[in-house]
Structures are given as C-alpha cells and as structure tokens.
Amino acid sequence: MKKEDSMYGSRISIGILPLMLSISMITILPVESDSDSWTITRLTNNSVYDVDPYISPDGSKVVFIEDLDGNPYTESDWEIMLIDLNTMEMKRVTN
C-alpha cells in the first residue's frame, strides 16, 4: 500500500484508502476486506463545504477544513475541524 506522507499527516493510513471528498461529505473507503462486504464510513454529511482531509500519522484522527456558513467565497468562515476516528467526535480546532 502506498503512503503519501507530508508534514501535515498522511493521505493513506493502514487499512483505508485516501479519504473520498465530495462537496459537504468526507468518506473513508477500505483498501481490502476480510469478508464479502466492505465498510464505508461517512465522516461528514452536511450543507457546508468540507475540504482537504488528512489522516494523522497514527491513523486515529482526520483533520479537514470546513466552511461554516456554506459560502466557499468568504474566507473568514473557514475553520479547521478534527474528527477522532475511535469516538467519531468532531471538534473545531480554530476559532
């Protein structure tokens, strides 16, 4: 499995593919499955824009940028968000 590391974390962690990103939704896709089924985990699903997801080097957290007002053209409303993949708790890092 290829792992793309940067100073911001990694796009791939053990057992998961790069985070799939579409407007207002970030999803984890599995690399392989031990059974005939696959588990796809949706991390976000809202009416705002969620972009630039990165997985922490230890694979336990995902950080991304969220546009809180839903208008991607106003820079003042972008915040850094963090999701703990063990608890699925999301919190805002910036204010």
PDB file of N, CA and C in Angstrom:
ATOM      1  N   MET A   1       0.842  -1.167   0.000  1.00  0.00           N
ATOM      2  CA  MET A   1       0.000   0.000   0.000  1.00  0.00           C
ATOM      3  C   MET A   1       0.892   1.237   0.000  1.00  0.00           C
ATOM      4  N   LYS A   2       0.585   2.179  -0.856  1.00  0.00           N
ATOM      5  CA  LYS A   2       1.352   3.407  -0.943  1.00  0.00           C
ATOM      6  C   LYS A   2       0.899   4.387   0.130  1.00  0.00           C
ATOM      7  N   LYS A   3       1.853   5.037   0.743  1.00  0.00           N
ATOM      8  CA  LYS A   3       1.531   6.013   1.783  1.00  0.00           C
ATOM      9  C   LYS A   3       2.195   7.331   1.423  1.00  0.00           C
ATOM     10  N   GLU A   4       1.408   8.375   1.283  1.00  0.00           N
ATOM     11  CA  GLU A   4       1.920   9.692   0.944  1.00  0.00           C
ATOM     12  C   GLU A   4       2.021  10.523   2.211  1.00  0.00           C
ATOM     13  N   ASP A   5       3.231  10.669   2.732  1.00  0.00           N
ATOM     14  CA  ASP A   5       3.429  11.430   3.960  1.00  0.00           C
ATOM     15  C   ASP A   5       3.765  12.877   3.642  1.00  0.00           C
ATOM     16  N   SER A   6       3.362  13.737   4.511  1.00  0.00           N
ATOM     17  CA  SER A   6       3.752  15.138   4.446  1.00  0.00           C
ATOM     18  C   SER A   6       3.838  15.640   5.877  1.00  0.00           C
ATOM     19  N   MET A   7       4.236  16.882   6.030  1.00  0.00           N
ATOM     20  CA  MET A   7       4.313  17.436   7.380  1.00  0.00           C
ATOM     21  C   MET A   7       2.935  17.594   8.006  1.00  0.00           C
ATOM     22  N   TYR A   8       1.881  17.407   7.220  1.00  0.00           N
ATOM     23  CA  TYR A   8       0.518  17.560   7.712  1.00  0.00           C
ATOM     24  C   TYR A   8      -0.155  16.239   8.047  1.00  0.00           C
ATOM     25  N   GLY A   9       0.525  15.125   7.877  1.00  0.00           N
ATOM     26  CA  GLY A   9      -0.089  13.822   8.123  1.00  0.00           C
ATOM     27  C   GLY A   9      -0.007  12.976   6.870  1.00  0.00           C
ATOM     28  N   SER A  10      -0.845  11.973   6.757  1.00  0.00           N
ATOM     29  CA  SER A  10      -0.790  11.109   5.593  1.00  0.00           C
ATOM     30  C   SER A  10      -2.153  10.988   4.947  1.00  0.00           C
ATOM     31  N   ARG A  11      -2.151  10.867   3.637  1.00  0.00           N
ATOM     32  CA  ARG A  11      -3.389  10.708   2.888  1.00  0.00           C
ATOM     33  C   ARG A  11      -3.880   9.275   2.973  1.00  0.00           C
ATOM     34  N   ILE A  12      -2.998   8.344   3.297  1.00  0.00           N
ATOM     35  CA  ILE A  12      -3.397   6.945   3.425  1.00  0.00           C
ATOM     36  C   ILE A  12      -2.878   6.424   4.758  1.00  0.00           C
ATOM     37  N   SER A  13      -3.699   5.672   5.442  1.00  0.00           N
ATOM     38  CA  SER A  13      -3.267   5.025   6.668  1.00  0.00           C
ATOM     39  C   SER A  13      -3.561   3.542   6.537  1.00  0.00           C
ATOM     40  N   ILE A  14      -3.065   2.735   7.433  1.00  0.00           N
ATOM     41  CA  ILE A  14      -3.236   1.290   7.356  1.00  0.00           C
ATOM     42  C   ILE A  14      -4.711   0.931   7.280  1.00  0.00           C
ATOM     43  N   GLY A  15      -5.085   0.220   6.241  1.00  0.00           N
ATOM     44  CA  GLY A  15      -6.447  -0.278   6.117  1.00  0.00           C
ATOM     45  C   GLY A  15      -7.449   0.656   5.478  1.00  0.00           C
ATOM     46  N   ILE A  16      -7.043   1.858   5.096  1.00  0.00           N
ATOM     47  CA  ILE A  16      -8.011   2.731   4.437  1.00  0.00           C
ATOM     48  C   ILE A  16      -7.398   3.412   3.227  1.00  0.00           C
ATOM     49  N   LEU A  17      -8.235   3.680   2.268  1.00  0.00           N
ATOM     50  CA  LEU A  17      -7.860   4.379   1.053  1.00  0.00           C
ATOM     51  C   LEU A  17      -7.871   5.870   1.329  1.00  0.00           C
ATOM     52  N   PRO A  18      -7.348   6.670   0.418  1.00  0.00           N
ATOM     53  CA  PRO A  18      -7.472   8.109   0.645  1.00  0.00           C
ATOM     54  C   PRO A  18      -8.920   8.473   0.915  1.00  0.00           C
ATOM     55  N   LEU A  19      -9.096   9.463   1.720  1.00  0.00           N
ATOM     56  CA  LEU A  19     -10.444   9.911   2.045  1.00  0.00           C
ATOM     57  C   LEU A  19     -11.121  10.401   0.776  1.00  0.00           C
ATOM     58  N   MET A  20     -12.328   9.924   0.535  1.00  0.00           N
ATOM     59  CA  MET A  20     -13.088  10.387  -0.614  1.00  0.00           C
ATOM     60  C   MET A  20     -13.737  11.705  -0.241  1.00  0.00           C
ATOM     61  N   LEU A  21     -13.606  12.678  -1.113  1.00  0.00           N
ATOM     62  CA  LEU A  21     -14.126  14.003  -0.819  1.00  0.00           C
ATOM     63  C   LEU A  21     -15.096  14.432  -1.895  1.00  0.00           C
ATOM     64  N   SER A  22     -16.277  14.795  -1.495  1.00  0.00           N
ATOM     65  CA  SER A  22     -17.213  15.486  -2.378  1.00  0.00           C
ATOM     66  C   SER A  22     -17.725  16.670  -1.584  1.00  0.00           C
ATOM     67  N   ILE A  23     -18.340  17.608  -2.244  1.00  0.00           N
ATOM     68  CA  ILE A  23     -18.790  18.806  -1.536  1.00  0.00           C
ATOM     69  C   ILE A  23     -19.688  18.406  -0.381  1.00  0.00           C
ATOM     70  N   SER A  24     -19.333  18.810   0.790  1.00  0.00           N
ATOM     71  CA  SER A  24     -20.054  18.607   2.056  1.00  0.00           C
ATOM     72  C   SER A  24     -20.048  17.180   2.564  1.00  0.00           C
ATOM     73  N   MET A  25     -19.124  16.328   2.086  1.00  0.00           N
ATOM     74  CA  MET A  25     -19.078  14.966   2.619  1.00  0.00           C
ATOM     75  C   MET A  25     -17.659  14.413   2.519  1.00  0.00           C
ATOM     76  N   ILE A  26     -17.154  13.855   3.613  1.00  0.00           N
ATOM     77  CA  ILE A  26     -15.867  13.168   3.627  1.00  0.00           C
ATOM     78  C   ILE A  26     -16.145  11.735   4.031  1.00  0.00           C
ATOM     79  N   THR A  27     -15.597  10.775   3.265  1.00  0.00           N
ATOM     80  CA  THR A  27     -15.878   9.359   3.482  1.00  0.00           C
ATOM     81  C   THR A  27     -14.582   8.570   3.499  1.00  0.00           C
ATOM     82  N   ILE A  28     -14.473   7.572   4.388  1.00  0.00           N
ATOM     83  CA  ILE A  28     -13.338   6.656   4.409  1.00  0.00           C
ATOM     84  C   ILE A  28     -13.725   5.410   3.621  1.00  0.00           C
ATOM     85  N   LEU A  29     -12.867   5.005   2.689  1.00  0.00           N
ATOM     86  CA  LEU A  29     -13.092   3.802   1.902  1.00  0.00           C
ATOM     87  C   LEU A  29     -12.040   2.762   2.268  1.00  0.00           C
ATOM     88  N   PRO A  30     -12.415   1.499   2.447  1.00  0.00           N
ATOM     89  CA  PRO A  30     -11.449   0.465   2.825  1.00  0.00           C
ATOM     90  C   PRO A  30     -10.569   0.052   1.654  1.00  0.00           C
ATOM     91  N   VAL A  31      -9.342  -0.360   1.954  1.00  0.00           N
ATOM     92  CA  VAL A  31      -8.428  -0.866   0.944  1.00  0.00           C
ATOM     93  C   VAL A  31      -8.741  -2.320   0.636  1.00  0.00           C
ATOM     94  N   GLU A  32      -8.990  -3.099   1.658  1.00  0.00           N
ATOM     95  CA  GLU A  32      -9.298  -4.512   1.472  1.00  0.00           C
ATOM     96  C   GLU A  32     -10.260  -4.967   2.554  1.00  0.00           C
ATOM     97  N   SER A  33     -10.895  -6.096   2.305  1.00  0.00           N
ATOM     98  CA  SER A  33     -11.877  -6.609   3.253  1.00  0.00           C
ATOM     99  C   SER A  33     -11.601  -8.079   3.520  1.00  0.00           C
ATOM    100  N   ASP A  34     -11.859  -8.513   4.745  1.00  0.00           N
ATOM    101  CA  ASP A  34     -11.682  -9.919   5.101  1.00  0.00           C
ATOM    102  C   ASP A  34     -12.906 -10.755   4.752  1.00  0.00           C
ATOM    103  N   SER A  35     -13.974 -10.106   4.329  1.00  0.00           N
ATOM    104  CA  SER A  35     -15.210 -10.819   4.014  1.00  0.00           C
ATOM    105  C   SER A  35     -15.714 -10.363   2.649  1.00  0.00           C
ATOM    106  N   ASP A  36     -16.940 -10.731   2.332  1.00  0.00           N
ATOM    107  CA  ASP A  36     -17.529 -10.335   1.060  1.00  0.00           C
ATOM    108  C   ASP A  36     -18.117  -8.932   1.106  1.00  0.00           C
ATOM    109  N   SER A  37     -18.096  -8.305   2.264  1.00  0.00           N
ATOM    110  CA  SER A  37     -18.678  -6.969   2.379  1.00  0.00           C
ATOM    111  C   SER A  37     -17.596  -5.942   2.703  1.00  0.00           C
ATOM    112  N   TRP A  38     -17.897  -4.709   2.395  1.00  0.00           N
ATOM    113  CA  TRP A  38     -16.987  -3.600   2.643  1.00  0.00           C
ATOM    114  C   TRP A  38     -17.662  -2.608   3.576  1.00  0.00           C
ATOM    115  N   THR A  39     -16.891  -2.009   4.446  1.00  0.00           N
ATOM    116  CA  THR A  39     -17.434  -0.998   5.340  1.00  0.00           C
ATOM    117  C   THR A  39     -16.976   0.376   4.868  1.00  0.00           C
ATOM    118  N   ILE A  40     -17.940   1.202   4.505  1.00  0.00           N
ATOM    119  CA  ILE A  40     -17.659   2.574   4.108  1.00  0.00           C
ATOM    120  C   ILE A  40     -18.165   3.468   5.231  1.00  0.00           C
ATOM    121  N   THR A  41     -17.305   4.334   5.724  1.00  0.00           N
ATOM    122  CA  THR A  41     -17.661   5.179   6.858  1.00  0.00           C
ATOM    123  C   THR A  41     -17.765   6.632   6.419  1.00  0.00           C
ATOM    124  N   ARG A  42     -18.941   7.196   6.523  1.00  0.00           N
ATOM    125  CA  ARG A  42     -19.136   8.611   6.208  1.00  0.00           C
ATOM    126  C   ARG A  42     -18.773   9.417   7.443  1.00  0.00           C
ATOM    127  N   LEU A  43     -17.839  10.337   7.287  1.00  0.00           N
ATOM    128  CA  LEU A  43     -17.409  11.164   8.412  1.00  0.00           C
ATOM    129  C   LEU A  43     -18.205  12.454   8.507  1.00  0.00           C
ATOM    130  N   THR A  44     -18.522  13.045   7.378  1.00  0.00           N
ATOM    131  CA  THR A  44     -19.308  14.279   7.384  1.00  0.00           C
ATOM    132  C   THR A  44     -20.407  14.183   6.342  1.00  0.00           C
ATOM    133  N   ASN A  45     -21.492  14.853   6.595  1.00  0.00           N
ATOM    134  CA  ASN A  45     -22.601  14.931   5.650  1.00  0.00           C
ATOM    135  C   ASN A  45     -23.470  16.106   6.071  1.00  0.00           C
ATOM    136  N   ASN A  46     -23.161  17.268   5.548  1.00  0.00           N
ATOM    137  CA  ASN A  46     -23.887  18.464   5.950  1.00  0.00           C
ATOM    138  C   ASN A  46     -24.022  19.418   4.774  1.00  0.00           C
ATOM    139  N   SER A  47     -24.570  20.581   5.011  1.00  0.00           N
ATOM    140  CA  SER A  47     -24.828  21.531   3.935  1.00  0.00           C
ATOM    141  C   SER A  47     -23.693  22.523   3.724  1.00  0.00           C
ATOM    142  N   VAL A  48     -22.587  22.355   4.428  1.00  0.00           N
ATOM    143  CA  VAL A  48     -21.434  23.239   4.249  1.00  0.00           C
ATOM    144  C   VAL A  48     -20.343  22.496   3.488  1.00  0.00           C
ATOM    145  N   TYR A  49     -19.260  23.189   3.154  1.00  0.00           N
ATOM    146  CA  TYR A  49     -18.177  22.591   2.393  1.00  0.00           C
ATOM    147  C   TYR A  49     -17.119  22.034   3.336  1.00  0.00           C
ATOM    148  N   ASP A  50     -16.749  20.768   3.151  1.00  0.00           N
ATOM    149  CA  ASP A  50     -15.674  20.118   3.894  1.00  0.00           C
ATOM    150  C   ASP A  50     -14.603  19.740   2.882  1.00  0.00           C
ATOM    151  N   VAL A  51     -13.376  20.248   3.064  1.00  0.00           N
ATOM    152  CA  VAL A  51     -12.321  20.037   2.072  1.00  0.00           C
ATOM    153  C   VAL A  51     -10.994  19.688   2.734  1.00  0.00           C
ATOM    154  N   ASP A  52     -10.056  19.227   1.920  1.00  0.00           N
ATOM    155  CA  ASP A  52      -8.665  18.967   2.301  1.00  0.00           C
ATOM    156  C   ASP A  52      -8.502  18.054   3.510  1.00  0.00           C
ATOM    157  N   PRO A  53      -9.074  16.853   3.486  1.00  0.00           N
ATOM    158  CA  PRO A  53      -8.907  15.947   4.633  1.00  0.00           C
ATOM    159  C   PRO A  53      -7.518  15.317   4.668  1.00  0.00           C
ATOM    160  N   TYR A  54      -6.979  15.156   5.853  1.00  0.00           N
ATOM    161  CA  TYR A  54      -5.721  14.439   6.082  1.00  0.00           C
ATOM    162  C   TYR A  54      -5.888  13.533   7.288  1.00  0.00           C
ATOM    163  N   ILE A  55      -5.273  12.363   7.222  1.00  0.00           N
ATOM    164  CA  ILE A  55      -5.291  11.405   8.325  1.00  0.00           C
ATOM    165  C   ILE A  55      -4.023  11.603   9.139  1.00  0.00           C
ATOM    166  N   SER A  56      -4.143  11.589  10.458  1.00  0.00           N
ATOM    167  CA  SER A  56      -2.969  11.740  11.319  1.00  0.00           C
ATOM    168  C   SER A  56      -2.008  10.578  11.075  1.00  0.00           C
ATOM    169  N   PRO A  57      -0.713  10.772  11.341  1.00  0.00           N
ATOM    170  CA  PRO A  57       0.263   9.703  11.106  1.00  0.00           C
ATOM    171  C   PRO A  57      -0.074   8.386  11.806  1.00  0.00           C
ATOM    172  N   ASP A  58      -0.734   8.439  12.968  1.00  0.00           N
ATOM    173  CA  ASP A  58      -1.085   7.194  13.661  1.00  0.00           C
ATOM    174  C   ASP A  58      -2.437   6.632  13.212  1.00  0.00           C
ATOM    175  N   GLY A  59      -3.129   7.323  12.293  1.00  0.00           N
ATOM    176  CA  GLY A  59      -4.386   6.827  11.754  1.00  0.00           C
ATOM    177  C   GLY A  59      -5.583   6.974  12.669  1.00  0.00           C
ATOM    178  N   SER A  60      -5.461   7.742  13.744  1.00  0.00           N
ATOM    179  CA  SER A  60      -6.558   7.836  14.711  1.00  0.00           C
ATOM    180  C   SER A  60      -7.452   9.064  14.533  1.00  0.00           C
ATOM    181  N   LYS A  61      -6.987  10.037  13.740  1.00  0.00           N
ATOM    182  CA  LYS A  61      -7.751  11.277  13.597  1.00  0.00           C
ATOM    183  C   LYS A  61      -7.736  11.748  12.146  1.00  0.00           C
ATOM    184  N   VAL A  62      -8.750  12.520  11.793  1.00  0.00           N
ATOM    185  CA  VAL A  62      -8.815  13.171  10.493  1.00  0.00           C
ATOM    186  C   VAL A  62      -8.999  14.660  10.735  1.00  0.00           C
ATOM    187  N   VAL A  63      -8.176  15.452  10.082  1.00  0.00           N
ATOM    188  CA  VAL A  63      -8.313  16.899  10.155  1.00  0.00           C
ATOM    189  C   VAL A  63      -8.745  17.385   8.773  1.00  0.00           C
ATOM    190  N   PHE A  64      -9.601  18.385   8.731  1.00  0.00           N
ATOM    191  CA  PHE A  64     -10.067  18.923   7.459  1.00  0.00           C
ATOM    192  C   PHE A  64     -10.511  20.365   7.663  1.00  0.00           C
ATOM    193  N   ILE A  65     -10.802  21.035   6.569  1.00  0.00           N
ATOM    194  CA  ILE A  65     -11.258  22.418   6.617  1.00  0.00           C
ATOM    195  C   ILE A  65     -12.744  22.439   6.297  1.00  0.00           C
ATOM    196  N   GLU A  66     -13.499  23.189   7.099  1.00  0.00           N
ATOM    197  CA  GLU A  66     -14.945  23.267   6.907  1.00  0.00           C
ATOM    198  C   GLU A  66     -15.364  24.729   6.776  1.00  0.00           C
ATOM    199  N   ASP A  67     -16.240  24.992   5.820  1.00  0.00           N
ATOM    200  CA  ASP A  67     -16.794  26.327   5.623  1.00  0.00           C
ATOM    201  C   ASP A  67     -18.109  26.400   6.382  1.00  0.00           C
ATOM    202  N   LEU A  68     -18.108  27.061   7.514  1.00  0.00           N
ATOM    203  CA  LEU A  68     -19.252  27.019   8.419  1.00  0.00           C
ATOM    204  C   LEU A  68     -20.511  27.702   7.901  1.00  0.00           C
ATOM    205  N   ASP A  69     -20.366  28.702   7.011  1.00  0.00           N
ATOM    206  CA  ASP A  69     -21.577  29.369   6.528  1.00  0.00           C
ATOM    207  C   ASP A  69     -22.073  28.811   5.196  1.00  0.00           C
ATOM    208  N   GLY A  70     -21.367  27.854   4.618  1.00  0.00           N
ATOM    209  CA  GLY A  70     -21.807  27.244   3.367  1.00  0.00           C
ATOM    210  C   GLY A  70     -21.477  28.056   2.131  1.00  0.00           C
ATOM    211  N   ASN A  71     -20.782  29.170   2.283  1.00  0.00           N
ATOM    212  CA  ASN A  71     -20.391  30.001   1.150  1.00  0.00           C
ATOM    213  C   ASN A  71     -18.873  29.933   1.001  1.00  0.00           C
ATOM    214  N   PRO A  72     -18.372  29.172   0.017  1.00  0.00           N
ATOM    215  CA  PRO A  72     -16.924  28.984  -0.106  1.00  0.00           C
ATOM    216  C   PRO A  72     -16.173  30.234  -0.538  1.00  0.00           C
ATOM    217  N   TYR A  73     -16.878  31.305  -0.873  1.00  0.00           N
ATOM    218  CA  TYR A  73     -16.228  32.517  -1.361  1.00  0.00           C
ATOM    219  C   TYR A  73     -15.915  33.512  -0.254  1.00  0.00           C
ATOM    220  N   THR A  74     -16.316  33.222   0.972  1.00  0.00           N
ATOM    221  CA  THR A  74     -15.972  34.079   2.105  1.00  0.00           C
ATOM    222  C   THR A  74     -14.942  33.356   2.963  1.00  0.00           C
ATOM    223  N   GLU A  75     -13.710  33.853   2.932  1.00  0.00           N
ATOM    224  CA  GLU A  75     -12.608  33.174   3.616  1.00  0.00           C
ATOM    225  C   GLU A  75     -12.716  33.219   5.135  1.00  0.00           C
ATOM    226  N   SER A  76     -13.419  34.169   5.679  1.00  0.00           N
ATOM    227  CA  SER A  76     -13.437  34.342   7.133  1.00  0.00           C
ATOM    228  C   SER A  76     -14.180  33.232   7.868  1.00  0.00           C
ATOM    229  N   ASP A  77     -14.962  32.433   7.158  1.00  0.00           N
ATOM    230  CA  ASP A  77     -15.762  31.399   7.816  1.00  0.00           C
ATOM    231  C   ASP A  77     -15.151  30.006   7.742  1.00  0.00           C
ATOM    232  N   TRP A  78     -13.959  29.864   7.190  1.00  0.00           N
ATOM    233  CA  TRP A  78     -13.315  28.555   7.107  1.00  0.00           C
ATOM    234  C   TRP A  78     -12.675  28.224   8.452  1.00  0.00           C
ATOM    235  N   GLU A  79     -12.919  27.021   8.940  1.00  0.00           N
ATOM    236  CA  GLU A  79     -12.361  26.578  10.221  1.00  0.00           C
ATOM    237  C   GLU A  79     -11.696  25.215  10.052  1.00  0.00           C
ATOM    238  N   ILE A  80     -10.709  24.925  10.883  1.00  0.00           N
ATOM    239  CA  ILE A  80     -10.064  23.610  10.902  1.00  0.00           C
ATOM    240  C   ILE A  80     -10.827  22.732  11.880  1.00  0.00           C
ATOM    241  N   MET A  81     -11.228  21.557  11.406  1.00  0.00           N
ATOM    242  CA  MET A  81     -12.014  20.620  12.204  1.00  0.00           C
ATOM    243  C   MET A  81     -11.204  19.336  12.406  1.00  0.00           C
ATOM    244  N   LEU A  82     -11.486  18.619  13.480  1.00  0.00           N
ATOM    245  CA  LEU A  82     -10.790  17.378  13.815  1.00  0.00           C
ATOM    246  C   LEU A  82     -11.815  16.319  14.201  1.00  0.00           C
ATOM    247  N   ILE A  83     -11.680  15.131  13.620  1.00  0.00           N
ATOM    248  CA  ILE A  83     -12.549  14.005  13.976  1.00  0.00           C
ATOM    249  C   ILE A  83     -11.685  12.903  14.571  1.00  0.00           C
ATOM    250  N   ASP A  84     -12.040  12.443  15.755  1.00  0.00           N
ATOM    251  CA  ASP A  84     -11.402  11.291  16.381  1.00  0.00           C
ATOM    252  C   ASP A  84     -12.068  10.045  15.800  1.00  0.00           C
ATOM    253  N   LEU A  85     -11.306   9.204  15.100  1.00  0.00           N
ATOM    254  CA  LEU A  85     -11.888   8.038  14.433  1.00  0.00           C
ATOM    255  C   LEU A  85     -12.301   6.936  15.398  1.00  0.00           C
ATOM    256  N   ASN A  86     -11.823   6.973  16.634  1.00  0.00           N
ATOM    257  CA  ASN A  86     -12.242   5.981  17.629  1.00  0.00           C
ATOM    258  C   ASN A  86     -13.601   6.325  18.228  1.00  0.00           C
ATOM    259  N   THR A  87     -13.824   7.612  18.494  1.00  0.00           N
ATOM    260  CA  THR A  87     -15.078   8.039  19.125  1.00  0.00           C
ATOM    261  C   THR A  87     -16.041   8.697  18.145  1.00  0.00           C
ATOM    262  N   MET A  88     -15.547   9.062  16.952  1.00  0.00           N
ATOM    263  CA  MET A  88     -16.294   9.794  15.922  1.00  0.00           C
ATOM    264  C   MET A  88     -16.716  11.181  16.413  1.00  0.00           C
ATOM    265  N   GLU A  89     -16.045  11.681  17.434  1.00  0.00           N
ATOM    266  CA  GLU A  89     -16.318  13.021  17.955  1.00  0.00           C
ATOM    267  C   GLU A  89     -15.631  14.054  17.070  1.00  0.00           C
ATOM    268  N   MET A  90     -16.371  15.090  16.674  1.00  0.00           N
ATOM    269  CA  MET A  90     -15.821  16.151  15.848  1.00  0.00           C
ATOM    270  C   MET A  90     -15.744  17.429  16.671  1.00  0.00           C
ATOM    271  N   LYS A  91     -14.602  18.135  16.539  1.00  0.00           N
ATOM    272  CA  LYS A  91     -14.483  19.409  17.245  1.00  0.00           C
ATOM    273  C   LYS A  91     -13.762  20.418  16.363  1.00  0.00           C
ATOM    274  N   ARG A  92     -14.060  21.670  16.607  1.00  0.00           N
ATOM    275  CA  ARG A  92     -13.413  22.756  15.881  1.00  0.00           C
ATOM    276  C   ARG A  92     -12.083  23.063  16.556  1.00  0.00           C
ATOM    277  N   VAL A  93     -11.015  23.162  15.760  1.00  0.00           N
ATOM    278  CA  VAL A  93      -9.678  23.429  16.283  1.00  0.00           C
ATOM    279  C   VAL A  93      -9.407  24.931  16.305  1.00  0.00           C
ATOM    280  N   THR A  94      -9.889  25.637  15.292  1.00  0.00           N
ATOM    281  CA  THR A  94      -9.677  27.081  15.214  1.00  0.00           C
ATOM    282  C   THR A  94     -10.950  27.816  15.605  1.00  0.00           C
ATOM    283  N   ASN A  95     -10.798  29.109  15.836  1.00  0.00           N
ATOM    284  CA  ASN A  95     -11.965  29.917  16.192  1.00  0.00           C
ATOM    285  C   ASN A  95     -11.872  31.279  15.534  1.00  0.00           C
TER     286      ASN A  95
END
